[in-house]
């Protein structure tokens, strides 16, 4: 009976180790994805700033052209 218990304990220990390794890999993947998301956020913020500046310049240009007409 104790032989069966030790086999079950060994099997459970193996499963626990495998699950712990899976969790570790997933945490590493999650950190990588967070880093990539931060990079994408920076690009989006930069693109938004460029678009806002462009729209502002177009608005100024149209107002200046109206003033001289």
PDB file of N, CA and C in Angstrom:
ATOM      1  N   UNK A   1       0.813  -1.190   0.000  1.00  0.00           N
ATOM      2  CA  UNK A   1       0.000   0.000   0.000  1.00  0.00           C
ATOM      3  C   UNK A   1       0.856   1.252   0.000  1.00  0.00           C
ATOM      4  N   UNK A   2       1.930   1.213   0.770  1.00  0.00           N
ATOM      5  CA  UNK A   2       2.786   2.397   0.823  1.00  0.00           C
ATOM      6  C   UNK A   2       3.508   2.605  -0.506  1.00  0.00           C
ATOM      7  N   UNK A   3       3.704   1.541  -1.254  1.00  0.00           N
ATOM      8  CA  UNK A   3       4.330   1.648  -2.570  1.00  0.00           C
ATOM      9  C   UNK A   3       3.425   2.432  -3.513  1.00  0.00           C
ATOM     10  N   UNK A   4       2.127   2.147  -3.444  1.00  0.00           N
ATOM     11  CA  UNK A   4       1.171   2.870  -4.272  1.00  0.00           C
ATOM     12  C   UNK A   4       1.112   4.340  -3.866  1.00  0.00           C
ATOM     13  N   UNK A   5       1.158   4.599  -2.567  1.00  0.00           N
ATOM     14  CA  UNK A   5       1.125   5.983  -2.094  1.00  0.00           C
ATOM     15  C   UNK A   5       2.343   6.750  -2.578  1.00  0.00           C
ATOM     16  N   UNK A   6       3.501   6.125  -2.542  1.00  0.00           N
ATOM     17  CA  UNK A   6       4.706   6.813  -2.989  1.00  0.00           C
ATOM     18  C   UNK A   6       4.675   7.046  -4.501  1.00  0.00           C
ATOM     19  N   UNK A   7       4.061   6.089  -5.241  1.00  0.00           N
ATOM     20  CA  UNK A   7       3.923   6.290  -6.682  1.00  0.00           C
ATOM     21  C   UNK A   7       2.987   7.458  -6.975  1.00  0.00           C
ATOM     22  N   UNK A   8       1.891   7.525  -6.232  1.00  0.00           N
ATOM     23  CA  UNK A   8       0.950   8.630  -6.398  1.00  0.00           C
ATOM     24  C   UNK A   8       1.618   9.941  -6.006  1.00  0.00           C
ATOM     25  N   UNK A   9       2.355   9.935  -4.913  1.00  0.00           N
ATOM     26  CA  UNK A   9       3.055  11.138  -4.479  1.00  0.00           C
ATOM     27  C   UNK A   9       4.073  11.586  -5.523  1.00  0.00           C
ATOM     28  N   UNK A  10       4.794  10.636  -6.110  1.00  0.00           N
ATOM     29  CA  UNK A  10       5.778  10.971  -7.133  1.00  0.00           C
ATOM     30  C   UNK A  10       5.096  11.534  -8.376  1.00  0.00           C
ATOM     31  N   UNK A  11       3.968  10.935  -8.758  1.00  0.00           N
ATOM     32  CA  UNK A  11       3.226  11.416  -9.922  1.00  0.00           C
ATOM     33  C   UNK A  11       2.696  12.825  -9.655  1.00  0.00           C
ATOM     34  N   UNK A  12       2.175  13.029  -8.462  1.00  0.00           N
ATOM     35  CA  UNK A  12       1.667  14.353  -8.120  1.00  0.00           C
ATOM     36  C   UNK A  12       2.797  15.378  -8.076  1.00  0.00           C
ATOM     37  N   UNK A  13       3.924  14.987  -7.542  1.00  0.00           N
ATOM     38  CA  UNK A  13       5.078  15.888  -7.479  1.00  0.00           C
ATOM     39  C   UNK A  13       5.531  16.267  -8.889  1.00  0.00           C
ATOM     40  N   UNK A  14       5.515  15.295  -9.785  1.00  0.00           N
ATOM     41  CA  UNK A  14       5.890  15.561 -11.173  1.00  0.00           C
ATOM     42  C   UNK A  14       4.917  16.541 -11.805  1.00  0.00           C
ATOM     43  N   UNK A  15       3.646  16.337 -11.580  1.00  0.00           N
ATOM     44  CA  UNK A  15       2.634  17.245 -12.132  1.00  0.00           C
ATOM     45  C   UNK A  15       2.791  18.641 -11.557  1.00  0.00           C
ATOM     46  N   UNK A  16       3.106  18.727 -10.285  1.00  0.00           N
ATOM     47  CA  UNK A  16       3.294  20.037  -9.650  1.00  0.00           C
ATOM     48  C   UNK A  16       4.483  20.763 -10.278  1.00  0.00           C
ATOM     49  N   UNK A  17       5.568  20.038 -10.498  1.00  0.00           N
ATOM     50  CA  UNK A  17       6.761  20.644 -11.107  1.00  0.00           C
ATOM     51  C   UNK A  17       6.444  21.109 -12.524  1.00  0.00           C
ATOM     52  N   UNK A  18       5.738  20.283 -13.290  1.00  0.00           N
ATOM     53  CA  UNK A  18       5.381  20.647 -14.663  1.00  0.00           C
ATOM     54  C   UNK A  18       4.503  21.893 -14.663  1.00  0.00           C
ATOM     55  N   UNK A  19       3.529  21.929 -13.769  1.00  0.00           N
ATOM     56  CA  UNK A  19       2.649  23.096 -13.686  1.00  0.00           C
ATOM     57  C   UNK A  19       3.428  24.348 -13.275  1.00  0.00           C
ATOM     58  N   UNK A  20       4.361  24.194 -12.351  1.00  0.00           N
ATOM     59  CA  UNK A  20       5.171  25.334 -11.917  1.00  0.00           C
ATOM     60  C   UNK A  20       6.005  25.868 -13.084  1.00  0.00           C
ATOM     61  N   UNK A  21       6.547  24.974 -13.905  1.00  0.00           N
ATOM     62  CA  UNK A  21       7.314  25.407 -15.067  1.00  0.00           C
ATOM     63  C   UNK A  21       6.426  26.111 -16.095  1.00  0.00           C
ATOM     64  N   UNK A  22       5.216  25.592 -16.276  1.00  0.00           N
ATOM     65  CA  UNK A  22       4.283  26.243 -17.194  1.00  0.00           C
ATOM     66  C   UNK A  22       3.939  27.642 -16.703  1.00  0.00           C
ATOM     67  N   UNK A  23       3.708  27.775 -15.421  1.00  0.00           N
ATOM     68  CA  UNK A  23       3.395  29.083 -14.841  1.00  0.00           C
ATOM     69  C   UNK A  23       4.561  30.041 -15.045  1.00  0.00           C
ATOM     70  N   UNK A  24       5.763  29.557 -14.834  1.00  0.00           N
ATOM     71  CA  UNK A  24       6.952  30.406 -15.007  1.00  0.00           C
ATOM     72  C   UNK A  24       7.075  30.883 -16.451  1.00  0.00           C
ATOM     73  N   UNK A  25       6.864  29.979 -17.410  1.00  0.00           N
ATOM     74  CA  UNK A  25       6.934  30.372 -18.824  1.00  0.00           C
ATOM     75  C   UNK A  25       5.849  31.367 -19.170  1.00  0.00           C
ATOM     76  N   UNK A  26       4.651  31.160 -18.631  1.00  0.00           N
ATOM     77  CA  UNK A  26       3.558  32.093 -18.907  1.00  0.00           C
ATOM     78  C   UNK A  26       3.829  33.473 -18.312  1.00  0.00           C
ATOM     79  N   UNK A  27       4.447  33.510 -17.140  1.00  0.00           N
ATOM     80  CA  UNK A  27       4.783  34.798 -16.544  1.00  0.00           C
ATOM     81  C   UNK A  27       5.828  35.524 -17.388  1.00  0.00           C
ATOM     82  N   UNK A  28       6.799  34.778 -17.917  1.00  0.00           N
ATOM     83  CA  UNK A  28       7.798  35.381 -18.792  1.00  0.00           C
ATOM     84  C   UNK A  28       7.148  35.908 -20.067  1.00  0.00           C
ATOM     85  N   UNK A  29       6.240  35.136 -20.628  1.00  0.00           N
ATOM     86  CA  UNK A  29       5.528  35.555 -21.838  1.00  0.00           C
ATOM     87  C   UNK A  29       4.684  36.799 -21.552  1.00  0.00           C
ATOM     88  N   UNK A  30       4.049  36.826 -20.389  1.00  0.00           N
ATOM     89  CA  UNK A  30       3.233  37.971 -20.011  1.00  0.00           C
ATOM     90  C   UNK A  30       4.096  39.234 -19.898  1.00  0.00           C
ATOM     91  N   UNK A  31       5.269  39.113 -19.326  1.00  0.00           N
ATOM     92  CA  UNK A  31       6.171  40.263 -19.204  1.00  0.00           C
ATOM     93  C   UNK A  31       6.613  40.744 -20.586  1.00  0.00           C
ATOM     94  N   UNK A  32       6.905  39.796 -21.476  1.00  0.00           N
ATOM     95  CA  UNK A  32       7.286  40.158 -22.843  1.00  0.00           C
ATOM     96  C   UNK A  32       6.148  40.901 -23.539  1.00  0.00           C
ATOM     97  N   UNK A  33       4.934  40.411 -23.361  1.00  0.00           N
ATOM     98  CA  UNK A  33       3.782  41.056 -23.988  1.00  0.00           C
ATOM     99  C   UNK A  33       3.545  42.448 -23.405  1.00  0.00           C
ATOM    100  N   UNK A  34       3.765  42.609 -22.117  1.00  0.00           N
ATOM    101  CA  UNK A  34       3.623  43.938 -21.506  1.00  0.00           C
ATOM    102  C   UNK A  34       4.640  44.908 -22.092  1.00  0.00           C
ATOM    103  N   UNK A  35       5.869  44.448 -22.285  1.00  0.00           N
ATOM    104  CA  UNK A  35       6.895  45.297 -22.883  1.00  0.00           C
ATOM    105  C   UNK A  35       6.510  45.695 -24.302  1.00  0.00           C
ATOM    106  N   UNK A  36       6.011  44.741 -25.060  1.00  0.00           N
ATOM    107  CA  UNK A  36       5.582  45.041 -26.425  1.00  0.00           C
ATOM    108  C   UNK A  36       4.413  46.013 -26.431  1.00  0.00           C
ATOM    109  N   UNK A  37       3.494  45.855 -25.495  1.00  0.00           N
ATOM    110  CA  UNK A  37       2.351  46.752 -25.403  1.00  0.00           C
ATOM    111  C   UNK A  37       2.799  48.169 -25.078  1.00  0.00           C
ATOM    112  N   UNK A  38       3.776  48.303 -24.191  1.00  0.00           N
ATOM    113  CA  UNK A  38       4.304  49.631 -23.863  1.00  0.00           C
ATOM    114  C   UNK A  38       4.903  50.289 -25.099  1.00  0.00           C
ATOM    115  N   UNK A  39       5.606  49.507 -25.901  1.00  0.00           N
ATOM    116  CA  UNK A  39       6.197  50.055 -27.124  1.00  0.00           C
ATOM    117  C   UNK A  39       5.109  50.511 -28.094  1.00  0.00           C
ATOM    118  N   UNK A  40       4.066  49.729 -28.235  1.00  0.00           N
ATOM    119  CA  UNK A  40       2.964  50.095 -29.127  1.00  0.00           C
ATOM    120  C   UNK A  40       2.259  51.344 -28.606  1.00  0.00           C
ATOM    121  N   UNK A  41       2.070  51.430 -27.293  1.00  0.00           N
ATOM    122  CA  UNK A  41       1.443  52.617 -26.715  1.00  0.00           C
ATOM    123  C   UNK A  41       2.252  53.863 -27.029  1.00  0.00           C
ATOM    124  N   UNK A  42       3.578  53.764 -26.940  1.00  0.00           N
ATOM    125  CA  UNK A  42       4.427  54.917 -27.259  1.00  0.00           C
ATOM    126  C   UNK A  42       4.248  55.336 -28.713  1.00  0.00           C
ATOM    127  N   UNK A  43       4.172  54.362 -29.624  1.00  0.00           N
ATOM    128  CA  UNK A  43       3.966  54.681 -31.039  1.00  0.00           C
ATOM    129  C   UNK A  43       2.611  55.344 -31.255  1.00  0.00           C
ATOM    130  N   UNK A  44       1.591  54.846 -30.605  1.00  0.00           N
ATOM    131  CA  UNK A  44       0.243  55.407 -30.769  1.00  0.00           C
ATOM    132  C   UNK A  44       0.196  56.833 -30.231  1.00  0.00           C
ATOM    133  N   UNK A  45       0.808  57.056 -29.074  1.00  0.00           N
ATOM    134  CA  UNK A  45       0.834  58.402 -28.503  1.00  0.00           C
ATOM    135  C   UNK A  45       1.596  59.350 -29.428  1.00  0.00           C
ATOM    136  N   UNK A  46       2.705  58.891 -29.962  1.00  0.00           N
ATOM    137  CA  UNK A  46       3.473  59.710 -30.895  1.00  0.00           C
ATOM    138  C   UNK A  46       2.689  60.029 -32.159  1.00  0.00           C
ATOM    139  N   UNK A  47       2.016  59.031 -32.699  1.00  0.00           N
ATOM    140  CA  UNK A  47       1.212  59.248 -33.904  1.00  0.00           C
ATOM    141  C   UNK A  47       0.071  60.220 -33.618  1.00  0.00           C
ATOM    142  N   UNK A  48      -0.539  60.098 -32.456  1.00  0.00           N
ATOM    143  CA  UNK A  48      -1.609  61.029 -32.080  1.00  0.00           C
ATOM    144  C   UNK A  48      -1.099  62.451 -31.966  1.00  0.00           C
ATOM    145  N   UNK A  49       0.100  62.613 -31.417  1.00  0.00           N
ATOM    146  CA  UNK A  49       0.684  63.949 -31.294  1.00  0.00           C
ATOM    147  C   UNK A  49       0.978  64.540 -32.670  1.00  0.00           C
ATOM    148  N   UNK A  50       1.493  63.722 -33.568  1.00  0.00           N
ATOM    149  CA  UNK A  50       1.781  64.200 -34.921  1.00  0.00           C
ATOM    150  C   UNK A  50       0.487  64.595 -35.631  1.00  0.00           C
ATOM    151  N   UNK A  51      -0.549  63.785 -35.500  1.00  0.00           N
ATOM    152  CA  UNK A  51      -1.833  64.110 -36.120  1.00  0.00           C
ATOM    153  C   UNK A  51      -2.424  65.394 -35.543  1.00  0.00           C
ATOM    154  N   UNK A  52      -2.336  65.548 -34.238  1.00  0.00           N
ATOM    155  CA  UNK A  52      -2.865  66.762 -33.610  1.00  0.00           C
ATOM    156  C   UNK A  52      -2.107  67.991 -34.100  1.00  0.00           C
ATOM    157  N   UNK A  53      -0.799  67.880 -34.211  1.00  0.00           N
ATOM    158  CA  UNK A  53      -0.007  69.003 -34.711  1.00  0.00           C
ATOM    159  C   UNK A  53      -0.369  69.313 -36.160  1.00  0.00           C
ATOM    160  N   UNK A  54      -0.552  68.274 -36.956  1.00  0.00           N
ATOM    161  CA  UNK A  54      -0.930  68.479 -38.361  1.00  0.00           C
ATOM    162  C   UNK A  54      -2.283  69.149 -38.498  1.00  0.00           C
ATOM    163  N   UNK A  55      -3.252  68.716 -37.736  1.00  0.00           N
ATOM    164  CA  UNK A  55      -4.584  69.317 -37.786  1.00  0.00           C
ATOM    165  C   UNK A  55      -4.515  70.773 -37.336  1.00  0.00           C
ATOM    166  N   UNK A  56      -3.719  71.048 -36.311  1.00  0.00           N
ATOM    167  CA  UNK A  56      -3.566  72.418 -35.833  1.00  0.00           C
ATOM    168  C   UNK A  56      -2.946  73.303 -36.910  1.00  0.00           C
ATOM    169  N   UNK A  57      -1.914  72.816 -37.571  1.00  0.00           N
ATOM    170  CA  UNK A  57      -1.282  73.589 -38.634  1.00  0.00           C
ATOM    171  C   UNK A  57      -2.234  73.840 -39.798  1.00  0.00           C
ATOM    172  N   UNK A  58      -3.021  72.849 -40.155  1.00  0.00           N
ATOM    173  CA  UNK A  58      -3.998  73.031 -41.233  1.00  0.00           C
ATOM    174  C   UNK A  58      -5.032  74.070 -40.811  1.00  0.00           C
ATOM    175  N   UNK A  59      -5.454  74.009 -39.556  1.00  0.00           N
ATOM    176  CA  UNK A  59      -6.412  75.006 -39.060  1.00  0.00           C
ATOM    177  C   UNK A  59      -5.834  76.408 -39.104  1.00  0.00           C
ATOM    178  N   UNK A  60      -4.602  76.564 -38.678  1.00  0.00           N
ATOM    179  CA  UNK A  60      -3.954  77.884 -38.748  1.00  0.00           C
ATOM    180  C   UNK A  60      -3.835  78.355 -40.192  1.00  0.00           C
ATOM    181  N   UNK A  61      -3.441  77.439 -41.065  1.00  0.00           N
ATOM    182  CA  UNK A  61      -3.264  77.799 -42.473  1.00  0.00           C
ATOM    183  C   UNK A  61      -4.580  78.252 -43.097  1.00  0.00           C
ATOM    184  N   UNK A  62      -5.654  77.575 -42.803  1.00  0.00           N
ATOM    185  CA  UNK A  62      -6.946  77.977 -43.372  1.00  0.00           C
ATOM    186  C   UNK A  62      -7.402  79.317 -42.809  1.00  0.00           C
ATOM    187  N   UNK A  63      -7.154  79.553 -41.527  1.00  0.00           N
ATOM    188  CA  UNK A  63      -7.539  80.837 -40.943  1.00  0.00           C
ATOM    189  C   UNK A  63      -6.699  81.971 -41.503  1.00  0.00           C
ATOM    190  N   UNK A  64      -5.432  81.736 -41.728  1.00  0.00           N
ATOM    191  CA  UNK A  64      -4.553  82.773 -42.303  1.00  0.00           C
ATOM    192  C   UNK A  64      -4.972  83.069 -43.729  1.00  0.00           C
ATOM    193  N   UNK A  65      -5.285  82.008 -44.492  1.00  0.00           N
ATOM    194  CA  UNK A  65      -5.687  82.242 -45.886  1.00  0.00           C
ATOM    195  C   UNK A  65      -7.013  82.992 -45.953  1.00  0.00           C
ATOM    196  N   UNK A  66      -7.909  82.737 -45.023  1.00  0.00           N
ATOM    197  CA  UNK A  66      -9.193  83.466 -44.982  1.00  0.00           C
ATOM    198  C   UNK A  66      -8.961  84.924 -44.625  1.00  0.00           C
ATOM    199  N   UNK A  67      -7.994  85.208 -43.781  1.00  0.00           N
ATOM    200  CA  UNK A  67      -7.716  86.569 -43.366  1.00  0.00           C
ATOM    201  C   UNK A  67      -7.184  87.402 -44.526  1.00  0.00           C
ATOM    202  N   UNK A  68      -6.441  86.804 -45.431  1.00  0.00           N
ATOM    203  CA  UNK A  68      -5.878  87.540 -46.546  1.00  0.00           C
ATOM    204  C   UNK A  68      -6.805  87.613 -47.754  1.00  0.00           C
ATOM    205  N   UNK A  69      -7.925  86.903 -47.696  1.00  0.00           N
ATOM    206  CA  UNK A  69      -8.867  86.947 -48.830  1.00  0.00           C
ATOM    207  C   UNK A  69      -9.808  88.044 -48.647  1.00  0.00           C
TER     208      UNK A  69
END
